[in-house]
Amino acid sequence: MKALWQAFSSDESGQGLVEYALIIALVAVGLIAILLVLRNSIGNVFNNAATQLNNAPANPYP
Protein backbone atom coordinates (compact mmCIF):
# COMPACT_ATOMS: atom_id res chain seq x y z
CA MET A 1 0.00 0.00 0.00
CA LYS A 2 2.87 2.32 0.80
CA ALA A 3 4.42 1.77 -2.64
CA LEU A 4 1.10 2.49 -4.32
CA TRP A 5 0.71 5.76 -2.40
CA GLN A 6 4.28 6.84 -3.28
CA ALA A 7 3.68 6.06 -6.95
CA PHE A 8 0.41 8.01 -6.91
CA SER A 9 1.85 11.02 -5.09
CA SER A 10 4.90 11.27 -7.35
CA ASP A 11 2.86 11.15 -10.58
CA GLU A 12 2.72 14.71 -11.98
CA SER A 13 1.59 13.99 -15.52
CA GLY A 14 -1.56 16.14 -15.38
CA GLN A 15 -0.05 19.05 -13.49
CA GLY A 16 0.84 21.14 -16.56
CA LEU A 17 -2.63 20.84 -18.04
CA VAL A 18 -4.24 21.95 -14.80
CA GLU A 19 -1.93 24.96 -14.56
CA TYR A 20 -2.75 26.03 -18.12
CA ALA A 21 -6.47 25.64 -17.43
CA LEU A 22 -6.17 27.82 -14.32
CA ILE A 23 -4.27 30.50 -16.25
CA ILE A 24 -6.89 30.51 -19.02
CA ALA A 25 -9.69 30.75 -16.45
CA LEU A 26 -7.97 33.65 -14.69
CA VAL A 27 -7.47 35.53 -17.96
CA ALA A 28 -11.10 34.93 -18.93
CA VAL A 29 -12.36 36.26 -15.59
CA GLY A 30 -10.12 39.31 -15.95
CA LEU A 31 -11.36 40.05 -19.47
CA ILE A 32 -14.98 39.71 -18.39
CA ALA A 33 -14.38 42.11 -15.49
CA ILE A 34 -12.70 44.66 -17.78
CA LEU A 35 -15.49 44.42 -20.35
CA LEU A 36 -18.12 44.92 -17.66
CA VAL A 37 -16.35 48.03 -16.39
CA LEU A 38 -15.80 49.50 -19.87
CA ARG A 39 -19.02 48.36 -21.55
CA ASN A 40 -20.48 51.88 -21.88
CA SER A 41 -17.27 53.30 -23.31
CA ILE A 42 -16.92 50.45 -25.79
CA GLY A 43 -20.56 50.85 -26.82
CA ASN A 44 -20.04 54.58 -27.40
CA VAL A 45 -17.04 53.91 -29.64
CA PHE A 46 -19.02 51.51 -31.82
CA ASN A 47 -22.03 53.84 -31.93
CA ASN A 48 -19.82 56.76 -33.01
CA ALA A 49 -18.22 54.63 -35.71
CA ALA A 50 -21.63 53.53 -36.99
CA THR A 51 -22.87 57.14 -37.03
CA GLN A 52 -19.81 58.30 -38.95
CA LEU A 53 -20.23 55.51 -41.50
CA ASN A 54 -23.94 56.25 -41.94
CA ASN A 55 -23.24 59.97 -42.45
CA ALA A 56 -20.43 59.40 -44.95
CA PRO A 57 -21.01 60.81 -48.43
CA ALA A 58 -22.14 58.30 -51.05
CA ASN A 59 -19.69 59.64 -53.65
CA PRO A 60 -16.52 61.02 -52.06
CA TYR A 61 -15.19 62.27 -55.40
CA PRO A 62 -17.28 65.07 -56.89
PDB file of N, CA and C in Angstrom:
ATOM      1  N   MET A   1       0.823  -1.201   0.000  1.00  0.00           N
ATOM      2  CA  MET A   1       0.000   0.000   0.000  1.00  0.00           C
ATOM      3  C   MET A   1       0.862   1.258   0.000  1.00  0.00           C
ATOM      4  N   LYS A   2       1.974   1.180   0.734  1.00  0.00           N
ATOM      5  CA  LYS A   2       2.872   2.324   0.804  1.00  0.00           C
ATOM      6  C   LYS A   2       3.490   2.619  -0.559  1.00  0.00           C
ATOM      7  N   ALA A   3       3.838   1.587  -1.303  1.00  0.00           N
ATOM      8  CA  ALA A   3       4.419   1.767  -2.636  1.00  0.00           C
ATOM      9  C   ALA A   3       3.403   2.372  -3.593  1.00  0.00           C
ATOM     10  N   LEU A   4       2.152   1.936  -3.472  1.00  0.00           N
ATOM     11  CA  LEU A   4       1.097   2.490  -4.324  1.00  0.00           C
ATOM     12  C   LEU A   4       0.892   3.974  -4.036  1.00  0.00           C
ATOM     13  N   TRP A   5       0.885   4.361  -2.771  1.00  0.00           N
ATOM     14  CA  TRP A   5       0.714   5.762  -2.399  1.00  0.00           C
ATOM     15  C   TRP A   5       1.880   6.610  -2.897  1.00  0.00           C
ATOM     16  N   GLN A   6       3.108   6.091  -2.796  1.00  0.00           N
ATOM     17  CA  GLN A   6       4.277   6.836  -3.277  1.00  0.00           C
ATOM     18  C   GLN A   6       4.231   6.995  -4.790  1.00  0.00           C
ATOM     19  N   ALA A   7       3.790   5.971  -5.493  1.00  0.00           N
ATOM     20  CA  ALA A   7       3.681   6.059  -6.951  1.00  0.00           C
ATOM     21  C   ALA A   7       2.608   7.069  -7.341  1.00  0.00           C
ATOM     22  N   PHE A   8       1.492   7.074  -6.610  1.00  0.00           N
ATOM     23  CA  PHE A   8       0.413   8.006  -6.909  1.00  0.00           C
ATOM     24  C   PHE A   8       0.808   9.442  -6.600  1.00  0.00           C
ATOM     25  N   SER A   9       1.495   9.664  -5.489  1.00  0.00           N
ATOM     26  CA  SER A   9       1.850  11.023  -5.088  1.00  0.00           C
ATOM     27  C   SER A   9       2.972  11.605  -5.925  1.00  0.00           C
ATOM     28  N   SER A  10       3.794  10.751  -6.533  1.00  0.00           N
ATOM     29  CA  SER A  10       4.897  11.272  -7.347  1.00  0.00           C
ATOM     30  C   SER A  10       4.506  11.452  -8.807  1.00  0.00           C
ATOM     31  N   ASP A  11       3.319  11.014  -9.198  1.00  0.00           N
ATOM     32  CA  ASP A  11       2.862  11.153 -10.581  1.00  0.00           C
ATOM     33  C   ASP A  11       2.381  12.576 -10.810  1.00  0.00           C
ATOM     34  N   GLU A  12       3.062  13.308 -11.692  1.00  0.00           N
ATOM     35  CA  GLU A  12       2.721  14.709 -11.979  1.00  0.00           C
ATOM     36  C   GLU A  12       2.377  14.907 -13.446  1.00  0.00           C
ATOM     37  N   SER A  13       1.821  13.914 -14.088  1.00  0.00           N
ATOM     38  CA  SER A  13       1.588  13.987 -15.525  1.00  0.00           C
ATOM     39  C   SER A  13       0.497  14.989 -15.903  1.00  0.00           C
ATOM     40  N   GLY A  14      -0.492  15.216 -15.054  1.00  0.00           N
ATOM     41  CA  GLY A  14      -1.565  16.143 -15.378  1.00  0.00           C
ATOM     42  C   GLY A  14      -1.384  17.528 -14.808  1.00  0.00           C
ATOM     43  N   GLN A  15      -0.263  17.772 -14.169  1.00  0.00           N
ATOM     44  CA  GLN A  15      -0.054  19.047 -13.492  1.00  0.00           C
ATOM     45  C   GLN A  15       0.005  20.209 -14.481  1.00  0.00           C
ATOM     46  N   GLY A  16       0.700  20.049 -15.592  1.00  0.00           N
ATOM     47  CA  GLY A  16       0.836  21.135 -16.564  1.00  0.00           C
ATOM     48  C   GLY A  16      -0.491  21.543 -17.156  1.00  0.00           C
ATOM     49  N   LEU A  17      -1.323  20.556 -17.471  1.00  0.00           N
ATOM     50  CA  LEU A  17      -2.629  20.845 -18.041  1.00  0.00           C
ATOM     51  C   LEU A  17      -3.502  21.619 -17.069  1.00  0.00           C
ATOM     52  N   VAL A  18      -3.456  21.253 -15.811  1.00  0.00           N
ATOM     53  CA  VAL A  18      -4.244  21.949 -14.796  1.00  0.00           C
ATOM     54  C   VAL A  18      -3.759  23.387 -14.644  1.00  0.00           C
ATOM     55  N   GLU A  19      -2.456  23.593 -14.677  1.00  0.00           N
ATOM     56  CA  GLU A  19      -1.928  24.957 -14.564  1.00  0.00           C
ATOM     57  C   GLU A  19      -2.352  25.819 -15.739  1.00  0.00           C
ATOM     58  N   TYR A  20      -2.303  25.263 -16.950  1.00  0.00           N
ATOM     59  CA  TYR A  20      -2.748  26.026 -18.118  1.00  0.00           C
ATOM     60  C   TYR A  20      -4.242  26.335 -18.036  1.00  0.00           C
ATOM     61  N   ALA A  21      -5.031  25.398 -17.565  1.00  0.00           N
ATOM     62  CA  ALA A  21      -6.470  25.638 -17.426  1.00  0.00           C
ATOM     63  C   ALA A  21      -6.740  26.739 -16.411  1.00  0.00           C
ATOM     64  N   LEU A  22      -5.997  26.762 -15.312  1.00  0.00           N
ATOM     65  CA  LEU A  22      -6.172  27.824 -14.318  1.00  0.00           C
ATOM     66  C   LEU A  22      -5.765  29.187 -14.871  1.00  0.00           C
ATOM     67  N   ILE A  23      -4.709  29.236 -15.646  1.00  0.00           N
ATOM     68  CA  ILE A  23      -4.273  30.503 -16.250  1.00  0.00           C
ATOM     69  C   ILE A  23      -5.325  31.007 -17.221  1.00  0.00           C
ATOM     70  N   ILE A  24      -5.857  30.114 -18.055  1.00  0.00           N
ATOM     71  CA  ILE A  24      -6.893  30.506 -19.020  1.00  0.00           C
ATOM     72  C   ILE A  24      -8.144  30.999 -18.292  1.00  0.00           C
ATOM     73  N   ALA A  25      -8.519  30.324 -17.219  1.00  0.00           N
ATOM     74  CA  ALA A  25      -9.692  30.752 -16.454  1.00  0.00           C
ATOM     75  C   ALA A  25      -9.464  32.119 -15.823  1.00  0.00           C
ATOM     76  N   LEU A  26      -8.277  32.353 -15.295  1.00  0.00           N
ATOM     77  CA  LEU A  26      -7.968  33.645 -14.688  1.00  0.00           C
ATOM     78  C   LEU A  26      -7.993  34.766 -15.725  1.00  0.00           C
ATOM     79  N   VAL A  27      -7.445  34.525 -16.892  1.00  0.00           N
ATOM     80  CA  VAL A  27      -7.469  35.534 -17.955  1.00  0.00           C
ATOM     81  C   VAL A  27      -8.901  35.802 -18.397  1.00  0.00           C
ATOM     82  N   ALA A  28      -9.715  34.752 -18.515  1.00  0.00           N
ATOM     83  CA  ALA A  28     -11.102  34.932 -18.929  1.00  0.00           C
ATOM     84  C   ALA A  28     -11.880  35.761 -17.903  1.00  0.00           C
ATOM     85  N   VAL A  29     -11.687  35.491 -16.632  1.00  0.00           N
ATOM     86  CA  VAL A  29     -12.365  36.258 -15.590  1.00  0.00           C
ATOM     87  C   VAL A  29     -11.908  37.719 -15.630  1.00  0.00           C
ATOM     88  N   GLY A  30     -10.632  37.947 -15.848  1.00  0.00           N
ATOM     89  CA  GLY A  30     -10.118  39.310 -15.949  1.00  0.00           C
ATOM     90  C   GLY A  30     -10.702  40.063 -17.133  1.00  0.00           C
ATOM     91  N   LEU A  31     -10.783  39.398 -18.288  1.00  0.00           N
ATOM     92  CA  LEU A  31     -11.359  40.047 -19.465  1.00  0.00           C
ATOM     93  C   LEU A  31     -12.833  40.367 -19.268  1.00  0.00           C
ATOM     94  N   ILE A  32     -13.562  39.458 -18.645  1.00  0.00           N
ATOM     95  CA  ILE A  32     -14.976  39.713 -18.388  1.00  0.00           C
ATOM     96  C   ILE A  32     -15.134  40.906 -17.448  1.00  0.00           C
ATOM     97  N   ALA A  33     -14.303  40.983 -16.424  1.00  0.00           N
ATOM     98  CA  ALA A  33     -14.377  42.107 -15.490  1.00  0.00           C
ATOM     99  C   ALA A  33     -14.074  43.428 -16.195  1.00  0.00           C
ATOM    100  N   ILE A  34     -13.059  43.434 -17.045  1.00  0.00           N
ATOM    101  CA  ILE A  34     -12.699  44.656 -17.777  1.00  0.00           C
ATOM    102  C   ILE A  34     -13.818  45.071 -18.722  1.00  0.00           C
ATOM    103  N   LEU A  35     -14.400  44.091 -19.424  1.00  0.00           N
ATOM    104  CA  LEU A  35     -15.487  44.420 -20.346  1.00  0.00           C
ATOM    105  C   LEU A  35     -16.719  44.932 -19.611  1.00  0.00           C
ATOM    106  N   LEU A  36     -16.982  44.413 -18.432  1.00  0.00           N
ATOM    107  CA  LEU A  36     -18.118  44.920 -17.663  1.00  0.00           C
ATOM    108  C   LEU A  36     -17.890  46.350 -17.197  1.00  0.00           C
ATOM    109  N   VAL A  37     -16.656  46.672 -16.846  1.00  0.00           N
ATOM    110  CA  VAL A  37     -16.349  48.033 -16.394  1.00  0.00           C
ATOM    111  C   VAL A  37     -16.394  49.011 -17.566  1.00  0.00           C
ATOM    112  N   LEU A  38     -15.924  48.594 -18.718  1.00  0.00           N
ATOM    113  CA  LEU A  38     -15.800  49.499 -19.869  1.00  0.00           C
ATOM    114  C   LEU A  38     -16.925  49.345 -20.888  1.00  0.00           C
ATOM    115  N   ARG A  39     -18.005  48.653 -20.547  1.00  0.00           N
ATOM    116  CA  ARG A  39     -19.018  48.363 -21.554  1.00  0.00           C
ATOM    117  C   ARG A  39     -19.660  49.618 -22.126  1.00  0.00           C
ATOM    118  N   ASN A  40     -19.871  50.658 -21.338  1.00  0.00           N
ATOM    119  CA  ASN A  40     -20.478  51.877 -21.876  1.00  0.00           C
ATOM    120  C   ASN A  40     -19.518  52.600 -22.806  1.00  0.00           C
ATOM    121  N   SER A  41     -18.255  52.636 -22.455  1.00  0.00           N
ATOM    122  CA  SER A  41     -17.266  53.296 -23.306  1.00  0.00           C
ATOM    123  C   SER A  41     -17.102  52.558 -24.634  1.00  0.00           C
ATOM    124  N   ILE A  42     -17.066  51.245 -24.562  1.00  0.00           N
ATOM    125  CA  ILE A  42     -16.920  50.449 -25.787  1.00  0.00           C
ATOM    126  C   ILE A  42     -18.155  50.623 -26.663  1.00  0.00           C
ATOM    127  N   GLY A  43     -19.331  50.640 -26.065  1.00  0.00           N
ATOM    128  CA  GLY A  43     -20.557  50.852 -26.824  1.00  0.00           C
ATOM    129  C   GLY A  43     -20.583  52.216 -27.495  1.00  0.00           C
ATOM    130  N   ASN A  44     -20.092  53.231 -26.805  1.00  0.00           N
ATOM    131  CA  ASN A  44     -20.037  54.577 -27.399  1.00  0.00           C
ATOM    132  C   ASN A  44     -19.097  54.616 -28.590  1.00  0.00           C
ATOM    133  N   VAL A  45     -17.984  53.935 -28.519  1.00  0.00           N
ATOM    134  CA  VAL A  45     -17.035  53.909 -29.642  1.00  0.00           C
ATOM    135  C   VAL A  45     -17.689  53.290 -30.865  1.00  0.00           C
ATOM    136  N   PHE A  46     -18.367  52.154 -30.676  1.00  0.00           N
ATOM    137  CA  PHE A  46     -19.017  51.511 -31.815  1.00  0.00           C
ATOM    138  C   PHE A  46     -20.188  52.333 -32.341  1.00  0.00           C
ATOM    139  N   ASN A  47     -20.927  52.989 -31.470  1.00  0.00           N
ATOM    140  CA  ASN A  47     -22.027  53.842 -31.933  1.00  0.00           C
ATOM    141  C   ASN A  47     -21.507  55.034 -32.721  1.00  0.00           C
ATOM    142  N   ASN A  48     -20.412  55.635 -32.259  1.00  0.00           N
ATOM    143  CA  ASN A  48     -19.820  56.761 -33.005  1.00  0.00           C
ATOM    144  C   ASN A  48     -19.308  56.311 -34.366  1.00  0.00           C
ATOM    145  N   ALA A  49     -18.698  55.143 -34.420  1.00  0.00           N
ATOM    146  CA  ALA A  49     -18.216  54.635 -35.706  1.00  0.00           C
ATOM    147  C   ALA A  49     -19.379  54.369 -36.655  1.00  0.00           C
ATOM    148  N   ALA A  50     -20.460  53.794 -36.149  1.00  0.00           N
ATOM    149  CA  ALA A  50     -21.628  53.529 -36.989  1.00  0.00           C
ATOM    150  C   ALA A  50     -22.250  54.832 -37.480  1.00  0.00           C
ATOM    151  N   THR A  51     -22.317  55.844 -36.630  1.00  0.00           N
ATOM    152  CA  THR A  51     -22.869  57.140 -37.027  1.00  0.00           C
ATOM    153  C   THR A  51     -22.011  57.782 -38.115  1.00  0.00           C
ATOM    154  N   GLN A  52     -20.703  57.733 -37.945  1.00  0.00           N
ATOM    155  CA  GLN A  52     -19.808  58.301 -38.950  1.00  0.00           C
ATOM    156  C   GLN A  52     -19.943  57.584 -40.288  1.00  0.00           C
ATOM    157  N   LEU A  53     -20.074  56.262 -40.245  1.00  0.00           N
ATOM    158  CA  LEU A  53     -20.226  55.509 -41.496  1.00  0.00           C
ATOM    159  C   LEU A  53     -21.567  55.778 -42.152  1.00  0.00           C
ATOM    160  N   ASN A  54     -22.623  55.953 -41.362  1.00  0.00           N
ATOM    161  CA  ASN A  54     -23.935  56.248 -41.940  1.00  0.00           C
ATOM    162  C   ASN A  54     -23.991  57.652 -42.512  1.00  0.00           C
ATOM    163  N   ASN A  55     -23.226  58.582 -41.966  1.00  0.00           N
ATOM    164  CA  ASN A  55     -23.236  59.968 -42.455  1.00  0.00           C
ATOM    165  C   ASN A  55     -22.182  60.234 -43.516  1.00  0.00           C
ATOM    166  N   ALA A  56     -21.460  59.221 -43.930  1.00  0.00           N
ATOM    167  CA  ALA A  56     -20.428  59.398 -44.947  1.00  0.00           C
ATOM    168  C   ALA A  56     -21.091  59.682 -46.307  1.00  0.00           C
ATOM    169  N   PRO A  57     -20.429  60.499 -47.121  1.00  0.00           N
ATOM    170  CA  PRO A  57     -21.008  60.806 -48.434  1.00  0.00           C
ATOM    171  C   PRO A  57     -21.007  59.550 -49.322  1.00  0.00           C
ATOM    172  N   ALA A  58     -22.017  59.466 -50.164  1.00  0.00           N
ATOM    173  CA  ALA A  58     -22.137  58.298 -51.046  1.00  0.00           C
ATOM    174  C   ALA A  58     -21.051  58.314 -52.114  1.00  0.00           C
ATOM    175  N   ASN A  59     -20.721  59.509 -52.609  1.00  0.00           N
ATOM    176  CA  ASN A  59     -19.694  59.636 -53.648  1.00  0.00           C
ATOM    177  C   ASN A  59     -18.637  60.599 -53.126  1.00  0.00           C
ATOM    178  N   PRO A  60     -17.514  60.119 -52.642  1.00  0.00           N
ATOM    179  CA  PRO A  60     -16.523  61.018 -52.055  1.00  0.00           C
ATOM    180  C   PRO A  60     -15.805  61.875 -53.087  1.00  0.00           C
ATOM    181  N   TYR A  61     -15.872  61.507 -54.354  1.00  0.00           N
ATOM    182  CA  TYR A  61     -15.186  62.275 -55.398  1.00  0.00           C
ATOM    183  C   TYR A  61     -16.208  63.011 -56.232  1.00  0.00           C
ATOM    184  N   PRO A  62     -16.265  64.325 -56.121  1.00  0.00           N
ATOM    185  CA  PRO A  62     -17.277  65.074 -56.895  1.00  0.00           C
ATOM    186  C   PRO A  62     -16.954  65.154 -58.365  1.00  0.00           C
TER     187      PRO A  62
END
